[in-house]
Amino acid sequence: MEYAYNTSGSNTLNKLWTQSAVDCYMIGCMCSKCYLYKSVFLKSETKCKMKDTVIELVRQIGVPDITKDDV
């Protein structure tokens, strides 16, 4: 099965795992668990695109290198 993802922001993707992207990855891209989503995007008309970014990062460079010390 082939999945189509919204990669509209992929041309600006810096191909590095930021702390926000790692946090999103760690919670399984579930906005209901995200502090950033709750504080910024919940009541905004702007949609968070972090999930799209995380999916694109995984696709392009793989999963983040997370050690126990990082968590």
PDB file of N, CA and C in Angstrom:
ATOM      1  N   MET A   1       0.844  -1.172   0.000  1.00  0.00           N
ATOM      2  CA  MET A   1       0.000   0.000   0.000  1.00  0.00           C
ATOM      3  C   MET A   1       0.890   1.236   0.000  1.00  0.00           C
ATOM      4  N   GLU A   2       0.582   2.173  -0.842  1.00  0.00           N
ATOM      5  CA  GLU A   2       1.363   3.395  -0.934  1.00  0.00           C
ATOM      6  C   GLU A   2       0.621   4.531  -0.243  1.00  0.00           C
ATOM      7  N   TYR A   3       1.333   5.301   0.557  1.00  0.00           N
ATOM      8  CA  TYR A   3       0.728   6.414   1.272  1.00  0.00           C
ATOM      9  C   TYR A   3       1.149   7.728   0.631  1.00  0.00           C
ATOM     10  N   ALA A   4       0.236   8.644   0.591  1.00  0.00           N
ATOM     11  CA  ALA A   4       0.549   9.987   0.099  1.00  0.00           C
ATOM     12  C   ALA A   4       0.523  10.937   1.282  1.00  0.00           C
ATOM     13  N   TYR A   5       1.595  11.643   1.489  1.00  0.00           N
ATOM     14  CA  TYR A   5       1.690  12.574   2.593  1.00  0.00           C
ATOM     15  C   TYR A   5       1.756  13.998   2.065  1.00  0.00           C
ATOM     16  N   ASN A   6       1.287  14.899   2.864  1.00  0.00           N
ATOM     17  CA  ASN A   6       1.389  16.307   2.512  1.00  0.00           C
ATOM     18  C   ASN A   6       2.829  16.731   2.759  1.00  0.00           C
ATOM     19  N   THR A   7       3.557  16.919   1.693  1.00  0.00           N
ATOM     20  CA  THR A   7       4.952  17.315   1.833  1.00  0.00           C
ATOM     21  C   THR A   7       5.166  18.720   1.305  1.00  0.00           C
ATOM     22  N   SER A   8       4.130  19.540   1.415  1.00  0.00           N
ATOM     23  CA  SER A   8       4.216  20.901   0.884  1.00  0.00           C
ATOM     24  C   SER A   8       5.347  21.695   1.526  1.00  0.00           C
ATOM     25  N   GLY A   9       5.693  21.383   2.755  1.00  0.00           N
ATOM     26  CA  GLY A   9       6.776  22.096   3.418  1.00  0.00           C
ATOM     27  C   GLY A   9       8.118  21.429   3.242  1.00  0.00           C
ATOM     28  N   SER A  10       8.172  20.339   2.480  1.00  0.00           N
ATOM     29  CA  SER A  10       9.401  19.572   2.369  1.00  0.00           C
ATOM     30  C   SER A  10      10.519  20.330   1.670  1.00  0.00           C
ATOM     31  N   ASN A  11      10.177  21.331   0.849  1.00  0.00           N
ATOM     32  CA  ASN A  11      11.239  22.076   0.191  1.00  0.00           C
ATOM     33  C   ASN A  11      12.011  22.941   1.180  1.00  0.00           C
ATOM     34  N   THR A  12      11.458  23.202   2.351  1.00  0.00           N
ATOM     35  CA  THR A  12      12.161  23.962   3.377  1.00  0.00           C
ATOM     36  C   THR A  12      12.687  23.061   4.486  1.00  0.00           C
ATOM     37  N   LEU A  13      12.475  21.778   4.354  1.00  0.00           N
ATOM     38  CA  LEU A  13      12.928  20.824   5.363  1.00  0.00           C
ATOM     39  C   LEU A  13      14.446  20.874   5.464  1.00  0.00           C
ATOM     40  N   ASN A  14      14.954  21.079   6.676  1.00  0.00           N
ATOM     41  CA  ASN A  14      16.396  21.207   6.832  1.00  0.00           C
ATOM     42  C   ASN A  14      17.088  19.862   7.002  1.00  0.00           C
ATOM     43  N   LYS A  15      16.344  18.784   6.989  1.00  0.00           N
ATOM     44  CA  LYS A  15      16.876  17.427   7.067  1.00  0.00           C
ATOM     45  C   LYS A  15      17.652  17.160   8.350  1.00  0.00           C
ATOM     46  N   LEU A  16      17.244  17.842   9.416  1.00  0.00           N
ATOM     47  CA  LEU A  16      17.813  17.608  10.733  1.00  0.00           C
ATOM     48  C   LEU A  16      16.690  17.439  11.732  1.00  0.00           C
ATOM     49  N   TRP A  17      16.897  16.563  12.699  1.00  0.00           N
ATOM     50  CA  TRP A  17      15.904  16.375  13.749  1.00  0.00           C
ATOM     51  C   TRP A  17      16.045  17.504  14.767  1.00  0.00           C
ATOM     52  N   THR A  18      15.035  18.357  14.857  1.00  0.00           N
ATOM     53  CA  THR A  18      15.009  19.385  15.894  1.00  0.00           C
ATOM     54  C   THR A  18      14.408  18.768  17.156  1.00  0.00           C
ATOM     55  N   GLN A  19      14.552  19.442  18.275  1.00  0.00           N
ATOM     56  CA  GLN A  19      13.981  18.924  19.515  1.00  0.00           C
ATOM     57  C   GLN A  19      12.468  18.814  19.416  1.00  0.00           C
ATOM     58  N   SER A  20      11.815  19.781  18.768  1.00  0.00           N
ATOM     59  CA  SER A  20      10.363  19.728  18.596  1.00  0.00           C
ATOM     60  C   SER A  20       9.948  18.532  17.754  1.00  0.00           C
ATOM     61  N   ALA A  21      10.709  18.239  16.710  1.00  0.00           N
ATOM     62  CA  ALA A  21      10.403  17.093  15.853  1.00  0.00           C
ATOM     63  C   ALA A  21      10.598  15.785  16.618  1.00  0.00           C
ATOM     64  N   VAL A  22      11.651  15.701  17.408  1.00  0.00           N
ATOM     65  CA  VAL A  22      11.887  14.501  18.221  1.00  0.00           C
ATOM     66  C   VAL A  22      10.769  14.325  19.237  1.00  0.00           C
ATOM     67  N   ASP A  23      10.360  15.413  19.882  1.00  0.00           N
ATOM     68  CA  ASP A  23       9.254  15.348  20.853  1.00  0.00           C
ATOM     69  C   ASP A  23       7.989  14.827  20.179  1.00  0.00           C
ATOM     70  N   CYS A  24       7.705  15.337  18.994  1.00  0.00           N
ATOM     71  CA  CYS A  24       6.525  14.903  18.241  1.00  0.00           C
ATOM     72  C   CYS A  24       6.636  13.418  17.901  1.00  0.00           C
ATOM     73  N   TYR A  25       7.792  12.996  17.442  1.00  0.00           N
ATOM     74  CA  TYR A  25       8.035  11.586  17.113  1.00  0.00           C
ATOM     75  C   TYR A  25       7.828  10.704  18.343  1.00  0.00           C
ATOM     76  N   MET A  26       8.344  11.151  19.487  1.00  0.00           N
ATOM     77  CA  MET A  26       8.270  10.360  20.720  1.00  0.00           C
ATOM     78  C   MET A  26       6.834  10.140  21.209  1.00  0.00           C
ATOM     79  N   ILE A  27       5.931  11.065  20.916  1.00  0.00           N
ATOM     80  CA  ILE A  27       4.539  10.892  21.340  1.00  0.00           C
ATOM     81  C   ILE A  27       3.672  10.329  20.214  1.00  0.00           C
ATOM     82  N   GLY A  28       4.332   9.859  19.167  1.00  0.00           N
ATOM     83  CA  GLY A  28       3.603   9.228  18.068  1.00  0.00           C
ATOM     84  C   GLY A  28       2.798  10.217  17.244  1.00  0.00           C
ATOM     85  N   CYS A  29       3.238  11.446  17.206  1.00  0.00           N
ATOM     86  CA  CYS A  29       2.563  12.520  16.451  1.00  0.00           C
ATOM     87  C   CYS A  29       1.104  12.671  16.853  1.00  0.00           C
ATOM     88  N   MET A  30       0.825  12.455  18.130  1.00  0.00           N
ATOM     89  CA  MET A  30      -0.537  12.601  18.641  1.00  0.00           C
ATOM     90  C   MET A  30      -0.696  13.994  19.238  1.00  0.00           C
ATOM     91  N   CYS A  31      -1.412  14.840  18.514  1.00  0.00           N
ATOM     92  CA  CYS A  31      -1.561  16.241  18.920  1.00  0.00           C
ATOM     93  C   CYS A  31      -2.173  16.379  20.314  1.00  0.00           C
ATOM     94  N   SER A  32      -3.021  15.448  20.706  1.00  0.00           N
ATOM     95  CA  SER A  32      -3.660  15.529  22.018  1.00  0.00           C
ATOM     96  C   SER A  32      -2.650  15.426  23.170  1.00  0.00           C
ATOM     97  N   LYS A  33      -1.451  14.926  22.887  1.00  0.00           N
ATOM     98  CA  LYS A  33      -0.407  14.797  23.902  1.00  0.00           C
ATOM     99  C   LYS A  33       0.658  15.882  23.789  1.00  0.00           C
ATOM    100  N   CYS A  34       0.515  16.777  22.826  1.00  0.00           N
ATOM    101  CA  CYS A  34       1.566  17.742  22.508  1.00  0.00           C
ATOM    102  C   CYS A  34       1.365  19.075  23.225  1.00  0.00           C
ATOM    103  N   TYR A  35       2.380  19.499  23.967  1.00  0.00           N
ATOM    104  CA  TYR A  35       2.317  20.786  24.659  1.00  0.00           C
ATOM    105  C   TYR A  35       2.300  21.944  23.663  1.00  0.00           C
ATOM    106  N   LEU A  36       3.034  21.820  22.578  1.00  0.00           N
ATOM    107  CA  LEU A  36       3.080  22.883  21.576  1.00  0.00           C
ATOM    108  C   LEU A  36       1.731  23.048  20.893  1.00  0.00           C
ATOM    109  N   TYR A  37       1.114  21.938  20.553  1.00  0.00           N
ATOM    110  CA  TYR A  37      -0.204  21.996  19.919  1.00  0.00           C
ATOM    111  C   TYR A  37      -1.215  22.647  20.858  1.00  0.00           C
ATOM    112  N   LYS A  38      -1.202  22.226  22.114  1.00  0.00           N
ATOM    113  CA  LYS A  38      -2.164  22.762  23.089  1.00  0.00           C
ATOM    114  C   LYS A  38      -1.945  24.250  23.344  1.00  0.00           C
ATOM    115  N   SER A  39      -0.711  24.695  23.334  1.00  0.00           N
ATOM    116  CA  SER A  39      -0.436  26.093  23.656  1.00  0.00           C
ATOM    117  C   SER A  39      -0.478  27.028  22.447  1.00  0.00           C
ATOM    118  N   VAL A  40      -0.279  26.511  21.246  1.00  0.00           N
ATOM    119  CA  VAL A  40      -0.204  27.381  20.077  1.00  0.00           C
ATOM    120  C   VAL A  40      -1.321  27.122  19.065  1.00  0.00           C
ATOM    121  N   PHE A  41      -1.525  25.869  18.705  1.00  0.00           N
ATOM    122  CA  PHE A  41      -2.384  25.565  17.568  1.00  0.00           C
ATOM    123  C   PHE A  41      -3.826  25.210  17.910  1.00  0.00           C
ATOM    124  N   LEU A  42      -4.115  24.873  19.134  1.00  0.00           N
ATOM    125  CA  LEU A  42      -5.451  24.403  19.494  1.00  0.00           C
ATOM    126  C   LEU A  42      -6.536  25.420  19.155  1.00  0.00           C
ATOM    127  N   LYS A  43      -6.288  26.671  19.449  1.00  0.00           N
ATOM    128  CA  LYS A  43      -7.299  27.701  19.204  1.00  0.00           C
ATOM    129  C   LYS A  43      -6.945  28.583  18.007  1.00  0.00           C
ATOM    130  N   SER A  44      -6.035  28.131  17.192  1.00  0.00           N
ATOM    131  CA  SER A  44      -5.587  28.899  16.045  1.00  0.00           C
ATOM    132  C   SER A  44      -6.183  28.335  14.755  1.00  0.00           C
ATOM    133  N   GLU A  45      -6.313  29.189  13.777  1.00  0.00           N
ATOM    134  CA  GLU A  45      -6.758  28.725  12.468  1.00  0.00           C
ATOM    135  C   GLU A  45      -5.615  28.067  11.710  1.00  0.00           C
ATOM    136  N   THR A  46      -4.391  28.333  12.135  1.00  0.00           N
ATOM    137  CA  THR A  46      -3.219  27.731  11.523  1.00  0.00           C
ATOM    138  C   THR A  46      -3.099  26.287  11.963  1.00  0.00           C
ATOM    139  N   LYS A  47      -2.800  25.410  11.031  1.00  0.00           N
ATOM    140  CA  LYS A  47      -2.673  23.990  11.338  1.00  0.00           C
ATOM    141  C   LYS A  47      -1.205  23.636  11.567  1.00  0.00           C
ATOM    142  N   CYS A  48      -0.956  22.854  12.582  1.00  0.00           N
ATOM    143  CA  CYS A  48       0.390  22.369  12.857  1.00  0.00           C
ATOM    144  C   CYS A  48       0.796  21.388  11.756  1.00  0.00           C
ATOM    145  N   LYS A  49       2.013  21.524  11.269  1.00  0.00           N
ATOM    146  CA  LYS A  49       2.515  20.645  10.211  1.00  0.00           C
ATOM    147  C   LYS A  49       3.665  19.773  10.703  1.00  0.00           C
ATOM    148  N   MET A  50       3.799  19.686  12.024  1.00  0.00           N
ATOM    149  CA  MET A  50       4.905  18.905  12.577  1.00  0.00           C
ATOM    150  C   MET A  50       4.794  17.433  12.203  1.00  0.00           C
ATOM    151  N   LYS A  51       3.590  16.870  12.197  1.00  0.00           N
ATOM    152  CA  LYS A  51       3.431  15.469  11.834  1.00  0.00           C
ATOM    153  C   LYS A  51       3.941  15.234  10.414  1.00  0.00           C
ATOM    154  N   ASP A  52       3.598  16.135   9.495  1.00  0.00           N
ATOM    155  CA  ASP A  52       4.082  16.021   8.117  1.00  0.00           C
ATOM    156  C   ASP A  52       5.606  16.096   8.077  1.00  0.00           C
ATOM    157  N   THR A  53       6.173  16.975   8.889  1.00  0.00           N
ATOM    158  CA  THR A  53       7.620  17.118   8.947  1.00  0.00           C
ATOM    159  C   THR A  53       8.278  15.861   9.488  1.00  0.00           C
ATOM    160  N   VAL A  54       7.712  15.295  10.550  1.00  0.00           N
ATOM    161  CA  VAL A  54       8.255  14.076  11.146  1.00  0.00           C
ATOM    162  C   VAL A  54       8.213  12.926  10.138  1.00  0.00           C
ATOM    163  N   ILE A  55       7.101  12.777   9.458  1.00  0.00           N
ATOM    164  CA  ILE A  55       6.975  11.716   8.453  1.00  0.00           C
ATOM    165  C   ILE A  55       8.023  11.890   7.358  1.00  0.00           C
ATOM    166  N   GLU A  56       8.218  13.114   6.919  1.00  0.00           N
ATOM    167  CA  GLU A  56       9.202  13.386   5.867  1.00  0.00           C
ATOM    168  C   GLU A  56      10.627  13.153   6.367  1.00  0.00           C
ATOM    169  N   LEU A  57      10.919  13.525   7.609  1.00  0.00           N
ATOM    170  CA  LEU A  57      12.244  13.254   8.182  1.00  0.00           C
ATOM    171  C   LEU A  57      12.510  11.758   8.258  1.00  0.00           C
ATOM    172  N   VAL A  58      11.544  10.999   8.716  1.00  0.00           N
ATOM    173  CA  VAL A  58      11.705   9.541   8.787  1.00  0.00           C
ATOM    174  C   VAL A  58      11.935   8.982   7.384  1.00  0.00           C
ATOM    175  N   ARG A  59      11.177   9.478   6.426  1.00  0.00           N
ATOM    176  CA  ARG A  59      11.308   8.991   5.056  1.00  0.00           C
ATOM    177  C   ARG A  59      12.681   9.319   4.470  1.00  0.00           C
ATOM    178  N   GLN A  60      13.176  10.526   4.725  1.00  0.00           N
ATOM    179  CA  GLN A  60      14.424  10.964   4.106  1.00  0.00           C
ATOM    180  C   GLN A  60      15.684  10.529   4.846  1.00  0.00           C
ATOM    181  N   ILE A  61      15.668  10.591   6.183  1.00  0.00           N
ATOM    182  CA  ILE A  61      16.911  10.302   6.914  1.00  0.00           C
ATOM    183  C   ILE A  61      16.761   9.228   7.989  1.00  0.00           C
ATOM    184  N   GLY A  62      15.561   8.726   8.186  1.00  0.00           N
ATOM    185  CA  GLY A  62      15.349   7.676   9.175  1.00  0.00           C
ATOM    186  C   GLY A  62      14.916   8.223  10.519  1.00  0.00           C
ATOM    187  N   VAL A  63      14.714   7.318  11.440  1.00  0.00           N
ATOM    188  CA  VAL A  63      14.235   7.701  12.772  1.00  0.00           C
ATOM    189  C   VAL A  63      15.338   8.432  13.530  1.00  0.00           C
ATOM    190  N   PRO A  64      14.948   9.282  14.488  1.00  0.00           N
ATOM    191  CA  PRO A  64      15.975  10.017  15.238  1.00  0.00           C
ATOM    192  C   PRO A  64      16.783   9.076  16.115  1.00  0.00           C
ATOM    193  N   ASP A  65      18.022   9.434  16.350  1.00  0.00           N
ATOM    194  CA  ASP A  65      18.906   8.657  17.219  1.00  0.00           C
ATOM    195  C   ASP A  65      18.641   9.107  18.645  1.00  0.00           C
ATOM    196  N   ILE A  66      17.825   8.335  19.339  1.00  0.00           N
ATOM    197  CA  ILE A  66      17.428   8.704  20.697  1.00  0.00           C
ATOM    198  C   ILE A  66      18.060   7.710  21.675  1.00  0.00           C
ATOM    199  N   THR A  67      18.814   8.252  22.610  1.00  0.00           N
ATOM    200  CA  THR A  67      19.400   7.402  23.637  1.00  0.00           C
ATOM    201  C   THR A  67      18.641   7.628  24.933  1.00  0.00           C
ATOM    202  N   LYS A  68      18.861   6.783  25.906  1.00  0.00           N
ATOM    203  CA  LYS A  68      18.179   6.922  27.189  1.00  0.00           C
ATOM    204  C   LYS A  68      18.479   8.264  27.840  1.00  0.00           C
ATOM    205  N   ASP A  69      19.660   8.812  27.605  1.00  0.00           N
ATOM    206  CA  ASP A  69      20.037  10.089  28.200  1.00  0.00           C
ATOM    207  C   ASP A  69      19.229  11.238  27.620  1.00  0.00           C
ATOM    208  N   ASP A  70      18.707  11.062  26.387  1.00  0.00           N
ATOM    209  CA  ASP A  70      17.939  12.115  25.749  1.00  0.00           C
ATOM    210  C   ASP A  70      16.523  12.225  26.267  1.00  0.00           C
ATOM    211  N   VAL A  71      16.000  11.166  26.875  1.00  0.00           N
ATOM    212  CA  VAL A  71      14.588  11.142  27.262  1.00  0.00           C
ATOM    213  C   VAL A  71      14.395  11.738  28.618  1.00  0.00           C
TER     214      VAL A  71
END
